[in-house]
N, C-alpha and C. Protein backbone atom coordinates (compact mmCIF):
# COMPACT_ATOMS: atom_id res chain seq x y z
N GLU A 1 50.79 -114.56 -70.36
CA GLU A 1 51.80 -113.54 -70.55
C GLU A 1 51.48 -112.35 -69.67
N LEU A 2 52.50 -111.60 -69.33
CA LEU A 2 52.33 -110.38 -68.55
C LEU A 2 52.78 -109.20 -69.39
N ALA A 3 51.93 -108.21 -69.49
CA ALA A 3 52.26 -106.99 -70.23
C ALA A 3 52.26 -105.83 -69.24
N PRO A 4 53.44 -105.31 -68.88
CA PRO A 4 53.46 -104.15 -67.98
C PRO A 4 52.74 -102.97 -68.61
N LEU A 5 51.87 -102.33 -67.82
CA LEU A 5 51.13 -101.17 -68.32
C LEU A 5 51.73 -99.87 -67.81
N TYR A 6 51.97 -99.77 -66.51
CA TYR A 6 52.59 -98.57 -65.96
C TYR A 6 53.08 -98.82 -64.55
N GLU A 7 53.92 -97.92 -64.08
CA GLU A 7 54.48 -97.98 -62.73
C GLU A 7 53.56 -97.21 -61.77
N LEU A 8 53.51 -97.70 -60.55
CA LEU A 8 52.69 -97.07 -59.51
C LEU A 8 53.55 -96.71 -58.31
N GLY A 9 53.37 -95.51 -57.79
CA GLY A 9 53.98 -95.16 -56.53
C GLY A 9 53.13 -95.70 -55.40
N THR A 10 53.70 -95.81 -54.21
CA THR A 10 52.95 -96.33 -53.07
C THR A 10 53.11 -95.44 -51.84
N THR A 11 52.10 -95.44 -51.02
CA THR A 11 52.06 -94.68 -49.77
C THR A 11 51.49 -95.58 -48.69
N LEU A 12 52.03 -95.48 -47.48
CA LEU A 12 51.50 -96.23 -46.34
C LEU A 12 50.70 -95.28 -45.46
N ALA A 13 49.64 -95.81 -44.84
CA ALA A 13 48.79 -94.98 -44.00
C ALA A 13 48.24 -95.78 -42.82
N VAL A 14 47.74 -95.05 -41.84
CA VAL A 14 47.09 -95.63 -40.66
C VAL A 14 45.85 -94.79 -40.34
N SER A 15 45.02 -95.32 -39.47
CA SER A 15 43.83 -94.61 -39.03
C SER A 15 44.22 -93.31 -38.33
N GLY A 16 43.35 -92.35 -38.38
CA GLY A 16 43.57 -91.08 -37.70
C GLY A 16 43.67 -91.21 -36.19
N ARG A 17 43.17 -92.32 -35.65
CA ARG A 17 43.25 -92.55 -34.20
C ARG A 17 44.63 -93.04 -33.76
N TYR A 18 45.46 -93.42 -34.71
CA TYR A 18 46.80 -93.94 -34.39
C TYR A 18 47.59 -92.87 -33.64
N GLN A 19 48.20 -93.26 -32.52
CA GLN A 19 48.93 -92.31 -31.68
C GLN A 19 50.44 -92.51 -31.72
N GLY A 20 50.93 -93.48 -32.47
CA GLY A 20 52.36 -93.76 -32.52
C GLY A 20 53.11 -92.84 -33.46
N ALA A 21 54.40 -93.13 -33.61
CA ALA A 21 55.26 -92.36 -34.51
C ALA A 21 54.82 -92.56 -35.95
N LEU A 22 54.98 -91.51 -36.74
CA LEU A 22 54.64 -91.59 -38.17
C LEU A 22 55.87 -91.87 -39.02
N ASP A 23 57.06 -91.66 -38.49
CA ASP A 23 58.30 -91.98 -39.18
C ASP A 23 58.79 -93.31 -38.64
N LEU A 24 58.72 -94.35 -39.45
CA LEU A 24 59.03 -95.70 -39.01
C LEU A 24 60.02 -96.37 -39.95
N ASN A 25 60.67 -97.44 -39.46
CA ASN A 25 61.50 -98.26 -40.34
C ASN A 25 60.77 -99.58 -40.60
N VAL A 26 61.33 -100.38 -41.48
CA VAL A 26 60.66 -101.61 -41.89
C VAL A 26 60.47 -102.57 -40.71
N GLU A 27 61.45 -102.65 -39.83
CA GLU A 27 61.33 -103.55 -38.68
C GLU A 27 60.15 -103.14 -37.80
N GLN A 28 59.96 -101.85 -37.60
CA GLN A 28 58.83 -101.38 -36.80
C GLN A 28 57.50 -101.70 -37.48
N LEU A 29 57.46 -101.56 -38.80
CA LEU A 29 56.24 -101.88 -39.54
C LEU A 29 55.89 -103.36 -39.42
N ARG A 30 56.89 -104.21 -39.35
CA ARG A 30 56.67 -105.66 -39.22
C ARG A 30 55.89 -106.00 -37.96
N GLU A 31 56.02 -105.19 -36.93
CA GLU A 31 55.36 -105.47 -35.65
C GLU A 31 53.90 -105.02 -35.63
N MET A 32 53.50 -104.28 -36.64
CA MET A 32 52.15 -103.72 -36.66
C MET A 32 51.18 -104.66 -37.38
N LEU A 33 49.89 -104.44 -37.15
CA LEU A 33 48.85 -105.18 -37.85
C LEU A 33 48.66 -104.56 -39.23
N TRP A 34 48.62 -105.40 -40.26
CA TRP A 34 48.51 -104.94 -41.65
C TRP A 34 47.17 -105.33 -42.24
N LEU A 35 46.67 -104.48 -43.10
CA LEU A 35 45.50 -104.77 -43.92
C LEU A 35 46.02 -104.86 -45.36
N VAL A 36 45.78 -106.00 -46.01
CA VAL A 36 46.26 -106.17 -47.39
C VAL A 36 45.11 -106.56 -48.29
N ILE A 37 45.23 -106.16 -49.53
CA ILE A 37 44.19 -106.51 -50.51
C ILE A 37 44.62 -107.72 -51.34
N ASP A 38 45.93 -107.93 -51.45
CA ASP A 38 46.46 -109.10 -52.15
C ASP A 38 46.55 -110.25 -51.17
N ALA A 39 46.64 -111.44 -51.69
CA ALA A 39 46.93 -112.58 -50.82
C ALA A 39 48.31 -112.34 -50.21
N ALA A 40 48.44 -112.53 -48.91
CA ALA A 40 49.70 -112.25 -48.21
C ALA A 40 50.85 -113.10 -48.75
N VAL A 41 50.55 -114.23 -49.33
CA VAL A 41 51.61 -115.11 -49.86
C VAL A 41 51.93 -114.80 -51.33
N ASP A 42 51.25 -113.85 -51.93
CA ASP A 42 51.49 -113.49 -53.32
C ASP A 42 52.87 -112.83 -53.45
N LYS A 43 53.82 -113.55 -54.04
CA LYS A 43 55.20 -113.07 -54.15
C LYS A 43 55.31 -111.79 -54.99
N GLY A 44 54.33 -111.53 -55.83
CA GLY A 44 54.37 -110.35 -56.67
C GLY A 44 53.73 -109.11 -56.05
N SER A 45 53.19 -109.24 -54.86
CA SER A 45 52.49 -108.12 -54.26
C SER A 45 53.46 -107.12 -53.65
N PHE A 46 53.01 -105.89 -53.51
CA PHE A 46 53.80 -104.85 -52.85
C PHE A 46 54.19 -105.31 -51.45
N PHE A 47 53.24 -105.85 -50.73
CA PHE A 47 53.43 -106.29 -49.36
C PHE A 47 54.60 -107.28 -49.27
N SER A 48 54.58 -108.31 -50.08
CA SER A 48 55.66 -109.31 -50.08
C SER A 48 56.97 -108.68 -50.50
N HIS A 49 56.92 -107.85 -51.52
CA HIS A 49 58.13 -107.22 -52.05
C HIS A 49 58.79 -106.32 -51.00
N LEU A 50 58.00 -105.57 -50.26
CA LEU A 50 58.54 -104.66 -49.26
C LEU A 50 59.42 -105.39 -48.25
N PHE A 51 58.94 -106.49 -47.72
CA PHE A 51 59.70 -107.19 -46.70
C PHE A 51 60.83 -108.04 -47.29
N ALA A 52 60.60 -108.62 -48.46
CA ALA A 52 61.66 -109.40 -49.12
C ALA A 52 62.83 -108.50 -49.50
N LEU A 53 62.56 -107.28 -49.89
CA LEU A 53 63.58 -106.31 -50.25
C LEU A 53 64.55 -106.07 -49.08
N HIS A 54 64.04 -106.18 -47.88
CA HIS A 54 64.86 -105.95 -46.68
C HIS A 54 65.23 -107.26 -45.98
N ARG A 55 65.01 -108.37 -46.70
CA ARG A 55 65.34 -109.72 -46.20
C ARG A 55 64.68 -110.00 -44.85
N LEU A 56 63.44 -109.60 -44.74
CA LEU A 56 62.67 -109.83 -43.52
C LEU A 56 61.45 -110.68 -43.83
N PRO A 57 61.06 -111.53 -42.89
CA PRO A 57 59.80 -112.25 -43.10
C PRO A 57 58.65 -111.26 -42.99
N PRO A 58 57.53 -111.58 -43.59
CA PRO A 58 56.37 -110.67 -43.49
C PRO A 58 55.85 -110.61 -42.06
N PRO A 59 55.07 -109.60 -41.74
CA PRO A 59 54.48 -109.50 -40.40
C PRO A 59 53.64 -110.74 -40.09
N ALA A 60 53.54 -111.05 -38.83
CA ALA A 60 52.74 -112.20 -38.41
C ALA A 60 51.26 -111.86 -38.36
N ARG A 61 50.95 -110.58 -38.19
CA ARG A 61 49.55 -110.16 -38.04
C ARG A 61 49.08 -109.46 -39.31
N ILE A 62 48.23 -110.16 -40.06
CA ILE A 62 47.76 -109.67 -41.35
C ILE A 62 46.26 -109.91 -41.48
N LEU A 63 45.53 -108.89 -41.89
CA LEU A 63 44.12 -109.03 -42.26
C LEU A 63 44.05 -108.89 -43.77
N ARG A 64 43.33 -109.79 -44.43
CA ARG A 64 43.19 -109.69 -45.88
C ARG A 64 41.75 -109.33 -46.22
N CYS A 65 41.61 -108.37 -47.11
CA CYS A 65 40.31 -107.94 -47.59
C CYS A 65 40.40 -107.84 -49.10
N SER A 66 39.56 -108.57 -49.82
CA SER A 66 39.65 -108.56 -51.28
C SER A 66 38.70 -107.57 -51.94
N SER A 67 37.91 -106.86 -51.17
CA SER A 67 36.99 -105.87 -51.70
C SER A 67 37.60 -104.47 -51.56
N VAL A 68 37.77 -103.76 -52.66
CA VAL A 68 38.37 -102.42 -52.59
C VAL A 68 37.53 -101.45 -51.74
N PRO A 69 36.22 -101.36 -51.94
CA PRO A 69 35.45 -100.43 -51.08
C PRO A 69 35.55 -100.78 -49.59
N MET A 70 35.53 -102.08 -49.28
CA MET A 70 35.64 -102.48 -47.88
C MET A 70 37.05 -102.21 -47.35
N TYR A 71 38.06 -102.43 -48.17
CA TYR A 71 39.45 -102.14 -47.79
C TYR A 71 39.58 -100.66 -47.40
N ILE A 72 39.05 -99.80 -48.22
CA ILE A 72 39.12 -98.35 -47.97
C ILE A 72 38.47 -98.00 -46.64
N GLU A 73 37.32 -98.60 -46.37
CA GLU A 73 36.61 -98.31 -45.12
C GLU A 73 37.31 -98.93 -43.91
N LEU A 74 37.78 -100.16 -44.02
CA LEU A 74 38.49 -100.81 -42.91
C LEU A 74 39.79 -100.08 -42.58
N ALA A 75 40.48 -99.59 -43.60
CA ALA A 75 41.73 -98.85 -43.38
C ALA A 75 41.48 -97.61 -42.53
N ARG A 76 40.34 -97.00 -42.70
CA ARG A 76 39.98 -95.80 -41.94
C ARG A 76 39.55 -96.14 -40.51
N ARG A 77 38.87 -97.25 -40.35
CA ARG A 77 38.26 -97.59 -39.06
C ARG A 77 39.15 -98.42 -38.12
N LEU A 78 40.05 -99.23 -38.66
CA LEU A 78 40.84 -100.14 -37.83
C LEU A 78 42.25 -99.60 -37.60
N ASP A 79 42.88 -100.08 -36.57
CA ASP A 79 44.26 -99.71 -36.25
C ASP A 79 45.20 -100.64 -37.03
N VAL A 80 45.32 -100.38 -38.33
CA VAL A 80 46.11 -101.21 -39.24
C VAL A 80 46.98 -100.33 -40.14
N VAL A 81 48.01 -100.93 -40.68
CA VAL A 81 48.80 -100.28 -41.73
C VAL A 81 48.15 -100.65 -43.06
N SER A 82 47.89 -99.67 -43.88
CA SER A 82 47.33 -99.92 -45.21
C SER A 82 48.25 -99.33 -46.26
N MET A 83 48.24 -99.94 -47.44
CA MET A 83 49.07 -99.48 -48.54
C MET A 83 48.16 -98.90 -49.62
N TRP A 84 48.57 -97.75 -50.17
CA TRP A 84 47.80 -97.05 -51.19
C TRP A 84 48.68 -96.80 -52.40
N THR A 85 48.17 -97.12 -53.56
CA THR A 85 48.91 -96.80 -54.79
C THR A 85 48.49 -95.41 -55.27
N ASP A 86 49.17 -94.94 -56.28
CA ASP A 86 48.82 -93.65 -56.87
C ASP A 86 47.34 -93.58 -57.24
N ALA A 87 46.77 -94.72 -57.65
CA ALA A 87 45.37 -94.75 -58.07
C ALA A 87 44.42 -94.40 -56.93
N GLY A 88 44.83 -94.63 -55.69
CA GLY A 88 43.97 -94.36 -54.54
C GLY A 88 44.32 -93.10 -53.78
N LEU A 89 45.26 -92.30 -54.29
CA LEU A 89 45.70 -91.12 -53.55
C LEU A 89 44.61 -90.07 -53.36
N ALA A 90 43.69 -89.97 -54.30
CA ALA A 90 42.60 -89.00 -54.13
C ALA A 90 41.74 -89.37 -52.93
N VAL A 91 41.44 -90.65 -52.79
CA VAL A 91 40.65 -91.12 -51.64
C VAL A 91 41.44 -90.91 -50.36
N LEU A 92 42.70 -91.34 -50.35
CA LEU A 92 43.53 -91.18 -49.16
C LEU A 92 43.69 -89.70 -48.80
N GLY A 93 43.91 -88.86 -49.79
CA GLY A 93 44.06 -87.42 -49.54
C GLY A 93 42.86 -86.82 -48.82
N LYS A 94 41.65 -87.24 -49.21
CA LYS A 94 40.44 -86.76 -48.53
C LYS A 94 40.41 -87.23 -47.09
N ARG A 95 40.81 -88.47 -46.86
CA ARG A 95 40.81 -89.02 -45.51
C ARG A 95 41.87 -88.34 -44.64
N VAL A 96 43.00 -88.02 -45.20
CA VAL A 96 44.04 -87.31 -44.45
C VAL A 96 43.56 -85.90 -44.13
N ALA A 97 42.94 -85.24 -45.11
CA ALA A 97 42.45 -83.87 -44.92
C ALA A 97 41.38 -83.80 -43.84
N ASP A 98 40.51 -84.81 -43.76
CA ASP A 98 39.46 -84.76 -42.73
C ASP A 98 39.91 -85.38 -41.39
N GLY A 99 41.17 -85.82 -41.33
CA GLY A 99 41.72 -86.32 -40.07
C GLY A 99 41.42 -87.77 -39.74
N THR A 100 40.75 -88.47 -40.66
CA THR A 100 40.41 -89.87 -40.37
C THR A 100 41.54 -90.83 -40.72
N MET A 101 42.58 -90.33 -41.39
CA MET A 101 43.75 -91.16 -41.70
C MET A 101 45.00 -90.30 -41.62
N LYS A 102 46.14 -90.98 -41.43
CA LYS A 102 47.45 -90.32 -41.40
C LYS A 102 48.40 -91.10 -42.31
N ARG A 103 49.27 -90.37 -42.97
CA ARG A 103 50.30 -91.01 -43.80
C ARG A 103 51.47 -91.42 -42.92
N LEU A 104 52.04 -92.58 -43.24
CA LEU A 104 53.26 -93.04 -42.58
C LEU A 104 54.44 -92.74 -43.48
N ASN A 105 55.57 -92.44 -42.88
CA ASN A 105 56.80 -92.22 -43.63
C ASN A 105 57.74 -93.37 -43.33
N LEU A 106 58.04 -94.16 -44.33
CA LEU A 106 58.96 -95.27 -44.18
C LEU A 106 60.36 -94.75 -44.42
N ARG A 107 61.22 -94.86 -43.43
CA ARG A 107 62.57 -94.31 -43.52
C ARG A 107 63.34 -94.83 -44.72
N GLU A 108 63.14 -96.09 -45.05
CA GLU A 108 63.84 -96.69 -46.19
C GLU A 108 63.17 -96.37 -47.52
N GLY A 109 62.04 -95.72 -47.50
CA GLY A 109 61.28 -95.43 -48.71
C GLY A 109 60.40 -96.61 -49.10
N THR A 110 59.30 -96.33 -49.74
CA THR A 110 58.41 -97.40 -50.17
C THR A 110 58.69 -97.76 -51.62
N PRO A 111 58.83 -99.05 -51.89
CA PRO A 111 59.05 -99.45 -53.28
C PRO A 111 57.78 -99.23 -54.09
N GLY A 112 57.95 -98.97 -55.35
CA GLY A 112 56.81 -98.81 -56.23
C GLY A 112 56.28 -100.15 -56.67
N GLY A 113 55.26 -100.09 -57.44
CA GLY A 113 54.66 -101.30 -57.99
C GLY A 113 54.47 -101.14 -59.48
N ARG A 114 54.04 -102.19 -60.10
CA ARG A 114 53.81 -102.17 -61.54
C ARG A 114 52.46 -102.81 -61.81
N LEU A 115 51.62 -102.12 -62.57
CA LEU A 115 50.36 -102.70 -62.98
C LEU A 115 50.59 -103.44 -64.28
N CYS A 116 50.23 -104.72 -64.28
CA CYS A 116 50.43 -105.55 -65.47
C CYS A 116 49.10 -106.13 -65.92
N LEU A 117 49.00 -106.37 -67.18
CA LEU A 117 47.86 -107.06 -67.75
C LEU A 117 48.28 -108.51 -67.96
N ALA A 118 47.56 -109.44 -67.38
CA ALA A 118 47.86 -110.87 -67.54
C ALA A 118 46.88 -111.45 -68.54
N TYR A 119 47.40 -112.20 -69.49
CA TYR A 119 46.55 -112.82 -70.49
C TYR A 119 47.23 -114.07 -71.04
N PRO A 120 46.42 -114.97 -71.64
CA PRO A 120 47.02 -116.19 -72.21
C PRO A 120 47.86 -115.83 -73.43
N LYS A 121 48.53 -116.78 -73.96
CA LYS A 121 49.33 -116.53 -75.17
C LYS A 121 48.47 -115.83 -76.22
N ALA A 122 49.06 -114.88 -76.88
CA ALA A 122 48.32 -114.09 -77.87
C ALA A 122 47.69 -114.96 -78.94
N ASP A 123 48.36 -116.03 -79.34
CA ASP A 123 47.80 -116.87 -80.40
C ASP A 123 46.60 -117.71 -79.94
N LEU A 124 46.32 -117.72 -78.62
CA LEU A 124 45.15 -118.42 -78.10
C LEU A 124 43.97 -117.48 -77.88
N MET A 125 44.21 -116.19 -78.06
CA MET A 125 43.17 -115.19 -77.80
C MET A 125 42.32 -114.96 -79.05
N THR A 126 41.08 -114.54 -78.83
CA THR A 126 40.23 -114.17 -79.95
C THR A 126 40.75 -112.86 -80.54
N THR A 127 40.33 -112.55 -81.71
CA THR A 127 40.73 -111.30 -82.35
C THR A 127 40.29 -110.11 -81.50
N THR A 128 39.08 -110.17 -80.96
CA THR A 128 38.57 -109.08 -80.13
C THR A 128 39.44 -108.90 -78.89
N ALA A 129 39.82 -109.98 -78.25
CA ALA A 129 40.67 -109.90 -77.05
C ALA A 129 42.04 -109.33 -77.40
N ARG A 130 42.62 -109.77 -78.51
CA ARG A 130 43.93 -109.22 -78.93
C ARG A 130 43.82 -107.74 -79.22
N ASP A 131 42.75 -107.34 -79.91
CA ASP A 131 42.53 -105.92 -80.20
C ASP A 131 42.39 -105.10 -78.92
N PHE A 132 41.70 -105.67 -77.92
CA PHE A 132 41.54 -104.97 -76.65
C PHE A 132 42.90 -104.77 -75.96
N VAL A 133 43.73 -105.80 -75.96
CA VAL A 133 45.05 -105.69 -75.33
C VAL A 133 45.88 -104.62 -76.02
N VAL A 134 45.86 -104.60 -77.33
CA VAL A 134 46.60 -103.58 -78.08
C VAL A 134 46.05 -102.19 -77.76
N TRP A 135 44.72 -102.06 -77.75
CA TRP A 135 44.10 -100.76 -77.44
C TRP A 135 44.47 -100.30 -76.03
N LEU A 136 44.38 -101.19 -75.04
CA LEU A 136 44.67 -100.82 -73.66
C LEU A 136 46.12 -100.40 -73.49
N ARG A 137 47.04 -101.16 -74.04
CA ARG A 137 48.46 -100.82 -73.92
C ARG A 137 48.75 -99.48 -74.60
N THR A 138 48.16 -99.25 -75.76
CA THR A 138 48.36 -97.99 -76.48
C THR A 138 47.75 -96.82 -75.71
N SER A 139 46.56 -97.03 -75.18
CA SER A 139 45.87 -95.98 -74.44
C SER A 139 46.68 -95.56 -73.21
N VAL A 140 47.17 -96.52 -72.46
CA VAL A 140 47.94 -96.21 -71.25
C VAL A 140 49.26 -95.56 -71.62
N ARG A 141 49.93 -96.08 -72.64
CA ARG A 141 51.21 -95.51 -73.07
C ARG A 141 51.03 -94.07 -73.56
N ASP A 142 49.96 -93.81 -74.30
CA ASP A 142 49.74 -92.47 -74.85
C ASP A 142 49.41 -91.43 -73.79
N THR A 143 48.79 -91.84 -72.69
CA THR A 143 48.47 -90.87 -71.64
C THR A 143 49.71 -90.52 -70.83
N GLY A 144 50.70 -91.40 -70.82
CA GLY A 144 51.92 -91.14 -70.08
C GLY A 144 51.79 -91.33 -68.59
N SER A 145 50.63 -91.72 -68.11
CA SER A 145 50.45 -91.93 -66.67
C SER A 145 49.24 -92.78 -66.42
N SER A 146 48.97 -93.00 -65.15
CA SER A 146 47.79 -93.76 -64.76
C SER A 146 46.67 -92.83 -64.28
N ASP A 147 46.71 -91.56 -64.67
CA ASP A 147 45.76 -90.58 -64.15
C ASP A 147 44.31 -90.97 -64.35
N HIS A 148 43.98 -91.62 -65.48
CA HIS A 148 42.57 -91.94 -65.70
C HIS A 148 42.18 -93.28 -65.12
N PHE A 149 43.10 -93.98 -64.46
CA PHE A 149 42.79 -95.23 -63.77
C PHE A 149 42.80 -94.96 -62.27
N THR A 150 41.76 -94.33 -61.76
CA THR A 150 41.73 -94.00 -60.34
C THR A 150 40.52 -94.62 -59.67
N LEU A 151 40.65 -94.84 -58.38
CA LEU A 151 39.54 -95.36 -57.59
C LEU A 151 38.53 -94.25 -57.38
N GLY A 152 37.27 -94.63 -57.36
CA GLY A 152 36.22 -93.65 -57.05
C GLY A 152 36.33 -93.20 -55.62
N ALA A 153 35.91 -92.00 -55.35
CA ALA A 153 35.94 -91.49 -53.97
C ALA A 153 34.83 -92.17 -53.19
N GLY A 154 35.20 -93.08 -52.29
CA GLY A 154 34.21 -93.83 -51.54
C GLY A 154 34.11 -93.44 -50.13
């Protein structure tokens, strides 16, 4: 089962060495090299959703990195487009402030994402696991945001 926890905004960025335009459309983004943390074929990912929303195939040039700390560092060092959720804005903000990264502006706007909790059927879960799911959903709902779910400044 999937239990939506909260909505996430998204921001696109490039290395501070990037010399191209910062205001781009989806077609222009398709031509660029992308760094993704999800599997590129994951239909539920922001990356897939962005291009499907505009009825475009995904970019041909994609680097996948499944480690968050390494993703953060590669996004700063390589000439790639990277996607940042609200949870990573503190890290991105520091990189933009020190000039090692730049934000991209997508003319069509960037679609948001949704953080979901995936778990087996509730009746197959232990009591402790069910209690944890209830606690997590209540905790996130009561805070009204994802503020306490942020990436560490790396």
